[in-house]
Amino acid sequence: MINVEMLSTGDEVLHGQIVDTNAAWLADFLFTQGFPLTRRNTVGDNLDDLVAILRERSEHADVLIVNGGLGPTSDDLSALAAATAKGENLVLHEEWLTQMERFFSERGRIMAPSNRKQAEIPASAELVDNPVGTACGFAVELNRCLMFFTPGVPSEFKVMVEQQILPRLRKRYQLVEPPLCLRLTTFGRSESDLAQSLDPLELPPGVTMGYRSSMPIIELKLTGPASQREAMLALWPQVQRVAGESLIFEGTEGLPAQLARQLQERQLSLTLSEQFTAGLLALQLARAGAPLLASEVIPAQQETLAQTARWAQERRGSHFAGLALAVTGLEDDHLNFALATPQGTWALRAKFSTTRHSLQVRQEVCAMMALNMLRRWLNGKPLTSEHGWINIVETLDIPEQT
């Protein structure tokens, strides 16, 4: 198995001032391509530290993907660190300098002298093209390790990995068939509850059951070598049965995207009215391309369940929407949900059984409850189900009058 590692650079990453989304993306991307990461490290903008870790990992890794530190400023040290680790000088890559000058000229800008630094790479390095930015990537070999140096800008990094680095890996190493990973996402069950039912399952050799908890959801992953595909597919229905009514979607597409597709397929528009969730529903559904006809965020106010149901009905009628979904404000740890449809209006009143979670987490839980309510209606299921530490205390069903 190829030992593939990643090194993220930069003080802002090391100190948690920005989230390292590149590392998460790379780990998932390479996993699906059959080159799973075996280690991830982070180091700040210090030349000695960079040189030391490059030399250290060159003795252990077959491939090291270094991210960040290729910009024009004095704290961008990756190229100098690579040259120092190899005991050679930086040289100016004239062709890349010409490309950089063209990049700025085509945009009506003058290239600053500091940008010239981005065309300097170690003397023995191979240029790795960056088709969407000014920082050229490069590759060097140090001891047993092939190292790729990439810019930290996510849009540039992802293109380079997909178009430049992955083809080189496939050419250099025998193609490994990607492992199989079956995924489903649950809502309303605890990780310990799910594990208690899933741990007794007899897994085929090399197959693992994984849990990823990210409030308010828990993802279950059955992962194993491609050679165990048939055995894993035979086992998967047992995992689905354990998830039961808490299963909200399978795969990686996400619930908002699946709801958007179902609404579009059924030619249903949606109106939203939010209080406690403060526009979170609209944000998630709009990003997924859902057919939103109208959306409003209004101040919290006290409402009975019947008032919430009537509100949803009115919004559906006034906007000529196929569906209307409403979430009220929080009152004594209670809040209302309502979904108005052509067949009728359903509403439920819920109560938090614990207040130990932050406002953000509670808002995300309630947004997921509302999305799940919509999902269940679209799939012809009863709208109420178990929701972990949220209890349904009252329901209301108003048939559509003809």
Protein backbone atom coordinates (compact mmCIF):
# COMPACT_ATOMS: atom_id res chain seq x y z
CA MET A 1 0.00 0.00 0.00
CA ILE A 2 1.28 3.47 -0.93
CA ASN A 3 2.02 5.73 2.03
CA VAL A 4 0.44 9.07 1.06
CA GLU A 5 0.69 11.99 3.49
CA MET A 6 -0.36 15.65 3.56
CA LEU A 7 1.42 18.62 5.12
CA SER A 8 -0.63 21.79 5.66
CA THR A 9 1.39 24.97 6.20
CA GLY A 10 0.68 28.40 7.62
CA ASP A 11 0.31 30.02 11.03
CA GLU A 12 -3.37 30.70 10.38
CA VAL A 13 -4.01 26.97 9.88
CA LEU A 14 -1.80 25.87 12.77
CA HIS A 15 -3.44 28.28 15.22
CA GLY A 16 -6.99 27.51 14.13
CA GLN A 17 -7.69 30.96 12.66
CA ILE A 18 -9.03 29.31 9.49
CA VAL A 19 -10.53 25.86 8.98
CA ASP A 20 -8.36 23.52 6.91
CA THR A 21 -10.99 22.60 4.35
CA ASN A 22 -8.29 21.56 1.87
CA ALA A 23 -7.20 18.71 4.16
CA ALA A 24 -10.74 17.39 4.55
CA TRP A 25 -11.36 17.59 0.81
CA LEU A 26 -8.06 15.90 -0.10
CA ALA A 27 -8.60 13.05 2.35
CA ASP A 28 -12.02 12.29 0.90
CA PHE A 29 -10.92 12.73 -2.73
CA LEU A 30 -7.84 10.51 -2.50
CA PHE A 31 -9.79 7.88 -0.57
CA THR A 32 -12.28 7.55 -3.43
CA GLN A 33 -9.39 7.29 -5.92
CA GLY A 34 -7.67 4.43 -4.10
CA PHE A 35 -4.86 6.51 -2.54
CA PRO A 36 -6.06 7.02 1.06
CA LEU A 37 -4.06 9.36 3.28
CA THR A 38 -2.08 7.68 6.04
CA ARG A 39 -1.03 10.83 7.92
CA ARG A 40 -1.74 14.58 8.08
CA ASN A 41 0.57 17.16 9.66
CA THR A 42 0.40 20.93 10.12
CA VAL A 43 3.32 23.33 10.54
CA GLY A 44 3.52 27.12 10.84
CA ASP A 45 5.41 29.72 8.83
CA ASN A 46 8.85 28.92 10.20
CA LEU A 47 11.64 27.94 7.80
CA ASP A 48 13.52 25.67 10.21
CA ASP A 49 10.32 23.81 11.16
CA LEU A 50 9.36 23.40 7.50
CA VAL A 51 12.76 22.05 6.51
CA ALA A 52 12.82 19.68 9.48
CA ILE A 53 9.41 18.13 8.77
CA LEU A 54 10.13 17.80 5.04
CA ARG A 55 13.30 15.86 5.81
CA GLU A 56 11.56 13.78 8.47
CA ARG A 57 8.57 12.77 6.32
CA SER A 58 10.83 12.10 3.31
CA GLU A 59 12.13 9.07 5.24
CA HIS A 60 8.64 7.63 5.79
CA ALA A 61 6.18 8.75 3.10
CA ASP A 62 6.06 7.60 -0.51
CA VAL A 63 4.09 10.71 -1.46
CA LEU A 64 3.79 14.01 0.44
CA ILE A 65 1.36 16.70 -0.71
CA VAL A 66 2.38 20.06 0.76
CA ASN A 67 -0.32 22.73 0.79
CA GLY A 68 0.23 26.44 1.19
CA GLY A 69 3.18 28.82 1.35
CA LEU A 70 3.57 29.55 -2.38
CA GLY A 71 2.34 33.15 -2.30
CA PRO A 72 4.30 36.38 -2.95
CA THR A 73 4.79 37.48 0.68
CA SER A 74 7.73 37.02 3.04
CA ASP A 75 5.92 34.38 5.12
CA ASP A 76 5.40 32.12 2.09
CA LEU A 77 8.35 29.79 2.61
CA SER A 78 7.47 26.43 1.03
CA ALA A 79 9.67 26.78 -2.07
CA LEU A 80 12.66 27.96 -0.02
CA ALA A 81 12.09 25.14 2.49
CA ALA A 82 12.02 22.53 -0.28
CA ALA A 83 15.25 23.87 -1.80
CA THR A 84 16.93 24.04 1.62
CA ALA A 85 15.84 20.49 2.48
CA LYS A 86 17.41 19.28 -0.77
CA GLY A 87 20.56 21.41 -0.38
CA GLU A 88 20.04 23.37 -3.58
CA ASN A 89 19.14 26.87 -4.75
CA LEU A 90 15.95 28.40 -5.99
CA VAL A 91 15.94 29.21 -9.70
CA LEU A 92 13.67 31.47 -11.71
CA HIS A 93 11.35 29.56 -14.04
CA GLU A 94 11.27 31.94 -16.99
CA GLU A 95 8.30 30.31 -18.73
CA TRP A 96 6.16 30.59 -15.60
CA LEU A 97 7.23 34.22 -15.12
CA THR A 98 6.03 34.95 -18.65
CA GLN A 99 2.74 33.18 -17.93
CA MET A 100 2.28 35.21 -14.74
CA GLU A 101 2.88 38.48 -16.57
CA ARG A 102 0.31 37.43 -19.18
CA PHE A 103 -2.14 36.54 -16.38
CA PHE A 104 -1.98 40.07 -14.98
CA SER A 105 -1.92 41.78 -18.39
CA GLU A 106 -5.08 40.00 -19.57
CA ARG A 107 -6.86 41.37 -16.50
CA GLY A 108 -5.63 44.91 -17.03
CA ARG A 109 -3.35 44.82 -13.98
CA ILE A 110 0.35 45.41 -13.40
CA MET A 111 2.22 42.57 -11.75
CA ALA A 112 3.86 43.63 -8.50
CA PRO A 113 7.60 42.88 -8.15
CA SER A 114 6.83 40.62 -5.19
CA ASN A 115 4.93 38.21 -7.46
CA ARG A 116 8.19 37.33 -9.20
CA LYS A 117 8.92 35.17 -6.15
CA GLN A 118 6.11 32.81 -7.22
CA ALA A 119 8.12 31.75 -10.28
CA GLU A 120 11.11 30.60 -8.19
CA ILE A 121 11.32 26.85 -7.58
CA PRO A 122 14.09 24.45 -6.45
CA ALA A 123 16.70 23.75 -9.12
CA SER A 124 15.77 20.07 -9.49
CA ALA A 125 11.99 20.60 -9.33
CA GLU A 126 9.46 19.66 -11.98
CA LEU A 127 6.86 22.36 -12.64
CA VAL A 128 3.29 21.40 -11.76
CA ASP A 129 0.92 23.61 -13.71
CA ASN A 130 -1.62 25.84 -12.00
CA PRO A 131 -4.16 26.70 -14.72
CA VAL A 132 -6.25 29.02 -12.53
CA GLY A 133 -3.75 31.05 -10.47
CA THR A 134 -0.34 32.70 -10.32
CA ALA A 135 1.48 30.35 -7.95
CA CYS A 136 3.11 27.52 -9.83
CA GLY A 137 3.22 24.17 -8.14
CA PHE A 138 6.23 21.91 -8.33
CA ALA A 139 7.38 18.40 -7.50
CA VAL A 140 10.69 17.26 -6.03
CA GLU A 141 12.09 13.94 -4.88
CA LEU A 142 13.73 13.79 -1.48
CA ASN A 143 15.04 10.46 -0.17
CA ARG A 144 12.22 7.92 -0.73
CA CYS A 145 9.49 10.54 -1.11
CA LEU A 146 7.85 12.28 -4.08
CA MET A 147 6.70 15.69 -2.85
CA PHE A 148 4.12 17.92 -4.48
CA PHE A 149 3.91 21.58 -3.48
CA THR A 150 0.57 23.32 -4.02
CA PRO A 151 -1.00 26.73 -3.25
CA GLY A 152 -3.43 27.11 -0.37
CA VAL A 153 -6.25 28.71 -2.37
CA PRO A 154 -8.90 25.93 -2.43
CA SER A 155 -10.04 26.54 -6.03
CA GLU A 156 -6.44 26.32 -7.27
CA PHE A 157 -5.50 23.41 -5.01
CA LYS A 158 -8.41 21.19 -6.07
CA VAL A 159 -7.83 21.74 -9.79
CA MET A 160 -4.14 20.92 -9.44
CA VAL A 161 -4.80 17.76 -7.46
CA GLU A 162 -7.39 16.51 -9.93
CA GLN A 163 -5.67 17.53 -13.18
CA GLN A 164 -1.96 17.40 -12.34
CA ILE A 165 -1.16 15.32 -9.27
CA LEU A 166 -3.61 12.42 -9.58
CA PRO A 167 -2.52 11.57 -13.17
CA ARG A 168 1.13 11.53 -12.00
CA LEU A 169 0.27 9.19 -9.13
CA ARG A 170 -1.59 6.82 -11.44
CA LYS A 171 1.32 6.79 -13.85
CA ARG A 172 3.93 6.21 -11.13
CA TYR A 173 2.08 3.63 -9.05
CA GLN A 174 0.02 0.59 -9.91
CA LEU A 175 -3.63 1.64 -9.80
CA VAL A 176 -5.27 0.48 -6.63
CA GLU A 177 -8.96 -0.27 -6.89
CA PRO A 178 -10.72 2.24 -4.61
CA PRO A 179 -12.24 0.80 -1.45
CA LEU A 180 -15.99 0.55 -1.20
CA CYS A 181 -17.68 2.90 1.25
CA LEU A 182 -21.42 2.60 1.90
CA ARG A 183 -22.87 5.58 3.78
CA LEU A 184 -26.13 6.57 5.37
CA THR A 185 -27.05 9.49 7.61
CA THR A 186 -29.33 9.35 10.62
CA PHE A 187 -31.15 11.99 12.65
CA GLY A 188 -32.66 11.58 16.09
CA ARG A 189 -30.58 8.65 17.43
CA SER A 190 -27.48 8.77 19.59
CA GLU A 191 -24.18 7.27 18.47
CA SER A 192 -24.11 4.90 21.47
CA ASP A 193 -27.64 3.71 20.69
CA LEU A 194 -26.72 2.91 17.09
CA ALA A 195 -23.42 1.29 18.08
CA GLN A 196 -25.13 -0.97 20.59
CA SER A 197 -27.19 -2.48 17.77
CA LEU A 198 -24.47 -2.49 15.11
CA ASP A 199 -21.44 -3.71 17.08
CA PRO A 200 -22.68 -7.36 17.21
CA LEU A 201 -22.76 -7.56 13.39
CA GLU A 202 -20.19 -9.96 11.97
CA LEU A 203 -18.11 -7.94 9.51
CA PRO A 204 -16.20 -9.53 6.62
CA PRO A 205 -12.37 -9.49 6.83
CA GLY A 206 -10.97 -5.99 6.28
CA VAL A 207 -14.39 -4.31 6.62
CA THR A 208 -15.01 -1.70 9.32
CA MET A 209 -18.09 0.08 10.66
CA GLY A 210 -17.46 3.78 11.22
CA TYR A 211 -19.43 6.53 12.94
CA ARG A 212 -19.18 10.26 12.26
CA SER A 213 -21.11 12.40 14.70
CA SER A 214 -21.75 15.99 13.63
CA MET A 215 -24.66 17.37 15.56
CA PRO A 216 -27.47 17.02 14.66
CA ILE A 217 -26.68 14.02 12.43
CA ILE A 218 -24.71 10.79 12.67
CA GLU A 219 -23.24 9.16 9.57
CA LEU A 220 -22.73 5.41 9.42
CA LYS A 221 -20.01 4.14 7.07
CA LEU A 222 -19.33 0.55 6.10
CA THR A 223 -15.86 0.58 4.52
CA GLY A 224 -13.82 -2.24 3.06
CA PRO A 225 -11.72 -3.46 0.13
CA ALA A 226 -13.33 -3.78 -3.26
CA SER A 227 -12.83 -7.55 -3.03
CA GLN A 228 -15.48 -7.62 -0.28
CA ARG A 229 -18.11 -5.79 -2.33
CA GLU A 230 -20.63 -8.64 -2.46
CA ALA A 231 -20.32 -9.39 1.25
CA MET A 232 -20.73 -5.71 2.13
CA LEU A 233 -23.78 -5.28 -0.08
CA ALA A 234 -25.32 -8.36 1.54
CA LEU A 235 -24.68 -6.89 5.01
CA TRP A 236 -25.92 -3.37 4.19
CA PRO A 237 -29.67 -4.10 4.60
CA GLN A 238 -29.00 -5.00 8.24
CA VAL A 239 -27.41 -1.60 8.77
CA GLN A 240 -30.41 0.06 7.12
CA ARG A 241 -32.79 -1.83 9.40
CA VAL A 242 -30.89 -0.72 12.50
CA ALA A 243 -31.06 2.91 11.32
CA GLY A 244 -34.79 2.44 10.79
CA GLU A 245 -36.93 5.59 10.91
CA SER A 246 -33.90 7.70 11.81
CA LEU A 247 -32.39 7.17 8.34
CA ILE A 248 -32.79 10.45 6.43
CA PHE A 249 -30.61 9.86 3.36
CA GLU A 250 -27.98 7.57 1.84
CA GLY A 251 -24.81 8.53 0.01
CA THR A 252 -23.06 11.89 0.17
CA GLU A 253 -25.45 14.17 -1.69
CA GLY A 254 -27.01 15.63 1.46
CA LEU A 255 -30.62 16.10 2.50
CA PRO A 256 -31.15 19.65 1.11
CA ALA A 257 -29.92 18.53 -2.33
CA GLN A 258 -32.19 15.49 -2.32
CA LEU A 259 -35.19 17.57 -1.27
CA ALA A 260 -34.41 20.12 -3.98
CA ARG A 261 -34.37 17.38 -6.60
CA GLN A 262 -37.66 15.88 -5.38
CA LEU A 263 -39.38 19.27 -5.36
CA GLN A 264 -38.18 19.97 -8.89
CA GLU A 265 -39.24 16.55 -10.15
CA ARG A 266 -42.74 17.03 -8.69
CA GLN A 267 -42.87 20.67 -9.84
CA LEU A 268 -43.57 21.89 -6.32
CA SER A 269 -42.51 25.34 -5.15
CA LEU A 270 -41.86 26.10 -1.49
CA THR A 271 -42.50 29.08 0.77
CA LEU A 272 -40.61 29.38 4.05
CA SER A 273 -41.37 31.27 7.24
CA GLU A 274 -38.70 31.12 9.94
CA GLN A 275 -38.31 32.49 13.44
CA PHE A 276 -36.03 30.35 15.62
CA THR A 277 -33.98 28.99 12.66
CA ALA A 278 -33.26 32.58 11.50
CA GLY A 279 -33.01 31.81 7.77
CA LEU A 280 -31.00 28.61 8.11
CA LEU A 281 -33.60 26.61 6.19
CA ALA A 282 -33.61 29.10 3.33
CA LEU A 283 -29.81 29.12 3.20
CA GLN A 284 -29.49 25.34 3.00
CA LEU A 285 -32.27 24.87 0.46
CA ALA A 286 -31.23 27.83 -1.71
CA ARG A 287 -27.67 26.55 -1.92
CA ALA A 288 -29.05 23.20 -3.07
CA GLY A 289 -31.11 24.88 -5.81
CA ALA A 290 -34.54 24.21 -4.30
CA PRO A 291 -37.48 26.02 -5.99
CA LEU A 292 -38.14 28.62 -3.26
CA LEU A 293 -41.02 30.92 -4.11
CA ALA A 294 -40.68 33.12 -1.04
CA SER A 295 -38.79 33.17 2.24
CA GLU A 296 -39.17 35.32 5.32
CA VAL A 297 -37.47 35.61 8.70
CA ILE A 298 -39.71 37.27 11.27
CA PRO A 299 -39.30 38.20 14.95
CA ALA A 300 -40.20 35.56 17.52
CA GLN A 301 -43.74 35.70 18.82
CA GLN A 302 -45.93 33.48 20.95
CA GLU A 303 -48.19 31.20 18.91
CA THR A 304 -50.50 28.30 19.54
CA LEU A 305 -50.12 25.27 17.31
CA ALA A 306 -53.33 26.19 15.50
CA GLN A 307 -52.00 29.69 14.82
CA THR A 308 -48.81 28.26 13.34
CA ALA A 309 -50.81 25.92 11.11
CA ARG A 310 -53.01 28.80 9.90
CA TRP A 311 -49.90 30.89 9.25
CA ALA A 312 -48.47 28.16 6.99
CA GLN A 313 -51.80 27.85 5.18
CA GLU A 314 -51.92 31.60 4.60
CA ARG A 315 -48.36 31.71 3.28
CA ARG A 316 -49.09 28.87 0.88
CA GLY A 317 -52.22 30.62 -0.37
CA SER A 318 -50.86 34.17 -0.60
CA HIS A 319 -47.77 33.07 -2.54
CA PHE A 320 -49.57 30.45 -4.66
CA ALA A 321 -46.97 27.96 -3.48
CA GLY A 322 -47.25 24.21 -3.66
CA LEU A 323 -45.94 23.89 -0.11
CA ALA A 324 -45.31 26.16 2.87
CA LEU A 325 -43.03 25.30 5.79
CA ALA A 326 -42.95 27.29 9.04
CA VAL A 327 -40.79 27.26 12.18
CA THR A 328 -41.81 29.48 15.10
CA GLY A 329 -39.79 31.11 17.84
CA LEU A 330 -38.69 29.38 21.04
CA GLU A 331 -41.03 29.80 24.02
CA ASP A 332 -40.26 28.01 27.32
CA ASP A 333 -38.17 25.44 25.40
CA HIS A 334 -41.14 24.79 23.07
CA LEU A 335 -41.53 25.67 19.39
CA ASN A 336 -43.91 24.80 16.57
CA PHE A 337 -43.41 23.39 13.08
CA ALA A 338 -46.03 23.39 10.31
CA LEU A 339 -46.16 22.10 6.75
CA ALA A 340 -49.01 23.19 4.46
CA THR A 341 -49.58 21.00 1.38
CA PRO A 342 -52.29 20.54 -1.29
CA GLN A 343 -53.65 17.64 0.78
CA GLY A 344 -53.73 19.44 4.11
CA THR A 345 -51.67 21.03 6.86
CA TRP A 346 -49.72 19.20 9.51
CA ALA A 347 -48.28 20.87 12.59
CA LEU A 348 -46.39 19.67 15.63
CA ARG A 349 -45.19 21.23 18.87
CA ALA A 350 -41.79 20.13 20.15
CA LYS A 351 -39.94 20.58 23.43
CA PHE A 352 -36.19 20.43 24.04
CA SER A 353 -35.50 17.83 26.70
CA THR A 354 -32.11 19.44 27.40
CA THR A 355 -30.76 22.98 27.10
CA ARG A 356 -27.07 22.11 27.39
CA HIS A 357 -26.43 22.73 23.69
CA SER A 358 -25.54 26.11 22.20
CA LEU A 359 -28.02 28.28 20.31
CA GLN A 360 -26.31 27.41 17.03
CA VAL A 361 -26.65 23.67 17.63
CA ARG A 362 -30.31 23.98 18.62
CA GLN A 363 -31.00 26.03 15.49
CA GLU A 364 -29.31 23.40 13.33
CA VAL A 365 -31.31 20.63 15.01
CA CYS A 366 -34.58 22.47 14.39
CA ALA A 367 -33.66 23.16 10.77
CA MET A 368 -32.99 19.43 10.33
CA MET A 369 -36.33 18.63 11.97
CA ALA A 370 -38.12 20.88 9.50
CA LEU A 371 -36.24 19.40 6.54
CA ASN A 372 -37.00 15.89 7.81
CA MET A 373 -40.67 16.81 8.13
CA LEU A 374 -40.64 17.86 4.47
CA ARG A 375 -38.73 14.70 3.49
CA ARG A 376 -41.20 12.43 5.22
CA TRP A 377 -44.16 14.11 3.50
CA LEU A 378 -42.51 13.86 0.07
CA ASN A 379 -41.89 10.14 0.71
CA GLY A 380 -45.44 9.46 1.89
CA LYS A 381 -44.52 8.83 5.54
CA PRO A 382 -46.14 10.13 8.75
CA LEU A 383 -44.60 13.47 9.62
CA THR A 384 -43.78 12.68 13.24
CA SER A 385 -40.86 10.48 14.28
CA GLU A 386 -38.37 10.11 17.12
CA HIS A 387 -35.97 13.04 17.40
CA GLY A 388 -33.60 12.16 20.24
CA TRP A 389 -33.55 14.95 22.80
CA ILE A 390 -36.53 16.75 21.21
CA ASN A 391 -39.94 15.48 22.27
CA ILE A 392 -43.16 15.89 20.28
CA VAL A 393 -45.79 17.07 22.77
CA GLU A 394 -48.70 17.99 20.48
CA THR A 395 -49.75 17.40 16.87
CA LEU A 396 -52.41 18.87 14.60
CA ASP A 397 -53.80 17.58 11.31
CA ILE A 398 -56.01 19.88 9.20
CA PRO A 399 -57.30 18.24 5.97
CA GLU A 400 -57.55 20.48 2.92
CA GLN A 401 -61.11 21.67 2.40
CA THR A 402 -62.59 21.05 -1.02
